Amino acid sequence: MELSGGDESRWQTRSPARTVVLAGRTTTSTIRLLDTTWYFGADDRVQLRFTVNETSRFSTGAREVLGAAGVRRLIPWPAIRETRYGLLVSASENIDFHELHAEQRVLVLPHGIGFNKIVPSAEGPRLAGLPPAEALRTGRVKVVLAHPDQHEQLLAACPEIDGHTVVTGDPVFDQLRGSVRLAEHYRHRLGTGGRRLVFLSSTWGQESQLGRARDLASRLLGTLPADRYQLAMAVHPNVWVEHDVDVRRWLHHAVKAGLLLLPPERGWHAALVAAHLVIGDHGSISLYAAALGKPLLLTGYGDEVVEATPIDSLGRLAPHLDLGGDLRKQVDQAMAEHDPSVFAPLTGRVFAHVGTSPLRLRDALYRELDLEPSEDLPLPRFPDARPYAEPVTAFNVRASFTGPSTLTIERFPRAATTREADQHLAVREDEEDLRLAELASVLVRAEIMDDPAAWATRSLALYGALVVAAATPTGCHAAIRDGRRVAVTGSLDPLLLASAVYACVTARRPLTQEITVAGQRVSLAELGP
């Protein structure tokens, strides 16, 4: 629903002292605005109103983001000049400033880290984040900065910025630092378990990770054993807006192979905190990762990066992923050899007022409103990630005994690999590709049923698998084509347990024994006829 602007007081139950208009333009800047509302807490002297200046190619989705957050009423942009407000806040430097009321204040927030990128515009290439000189000349527009060095950078590019900046530090970085102790919580919510979480991050454009290394997620999933590594990925909102359903279609095989694909509106903060390794590009997430001391690999930079900026320095300092090299070796090496202190000098150039930046931004907002804050400011943790995810239902499996009772198993998602000669195909019955059950050496039903033995007998008649297995409360019931039956007890997933039975059969090992699989004890007991 859209408001008409003008005087709302006769309809209101409470009459606020100040109105703050939060002006979105793109999906990205609108998401950033929603992250700003908590600075006002429960202060009933302030009312928040939203509007969207839909003048960007990336404006599509901004209204939907607001609606999903519970925002029901918008001020139509054409009515903004007649709307009475104390402050307009935007996370876009490209709103139509000339359409705003001439006397009212504007605070421009960053929606990334710094001013690191040259982007195209109708007037030619421009520095992302810098408002037009005409808007700055009005004297009513201020730009929020994370570090004093940014003022000097902007001053060199646009003298009109002088006197129109406020340095608060970066509240997002403070939240990330404060959330580090919750890494295990976020990993638990993502289902990481004992695996290493590799977090892929792509900005937008042809020079981004997704533009340059479009199959990287699938390649990593095909080379990193699924029981030792987990992959998550964040894609810049602009990519989602421009390419819409194609993003999930492009990454469908990767998601089927276990990729956790984060939606554009939430989740990357939690995934970054949880990550054991970040593989990024010249987007802001890479710089946040470095500042948190995370192991980091970069997938290349482009000409759009501004020289001598922190993100440019990061590109020279951090190791780059060789896309033609051994990906698994590089991933392991990056984690094993990482020295967090390498990035410390860079962090000092990016973030000022670490530990107090949320308070400084809150105080800056209230100064513009000519009000004193009325309550303490919490430091909220980031919400849990809710990725697009699917269970992996087919694996190419390499199994070998590396000791008398130690079985080493490496599983690679079928959706990301082709089977090699020393691997067998293990498939869950509910795999969406019906062909795979016919090709499988191991077939498993993951749901617990009343009579697993009967299901196993039927399945041996229907399929060509050597081993079929049905889940039980304590493990699985396995049936072998030669007529033998095995009760398997263990806490691992039934698909992995069934592959252990297959390995015993093909290695001519006894089917009554205890073995170690993936570091856990598994008991096999051959059943009578």
Foldseek 3Di string as FASTA:
>chain_A
DEDAAADPVVVDPDDALFEEEEEEEALLFLLVSVVVVLLQPPPRNYDYAYEYQDPDLRNPPSVVLCVVVPHDYHHYLQRQQNHDGLEYETCALPHPLVSHHLPHAYEHEHSFFAFWFWDADPVGTDTGPDHDLVNLVSVRYAYEHFFPVSVVVVCVVHVSNPPRYDHQHDLLLLLLVVCLVCLVVLCVVVVQPQAAEEEEEWEDDCFTCCNPVVCVLLQCLQQAFPNHYAYEYEYASSCCSVVPPVVCVSCVLSQLQHYFYFDNSAAPSSSLSNHQEYETELGRSQVSSLLSLHQYEYADYDPRTDPPALSNVCVVQHHYDDPPDNRVVVVVCSNVVRDSVSCVVSNVRGGPPRPCSSVSVSVVVVVSSVHDRDDDRDSDHGDHTDTDHDDHFKWWKAWDDPDPFEIEIGTRGPSSDDHDPRTFMFGEPVPPPVVSQQRGQEYEHQDADDDFPVVQVVSVVVHVHQKYWYAHPFEIWIAGNVGKIKDKGDDDGNSQRRVVVVNCVVVVHDQADWHAYPNTIMGIDIDDD
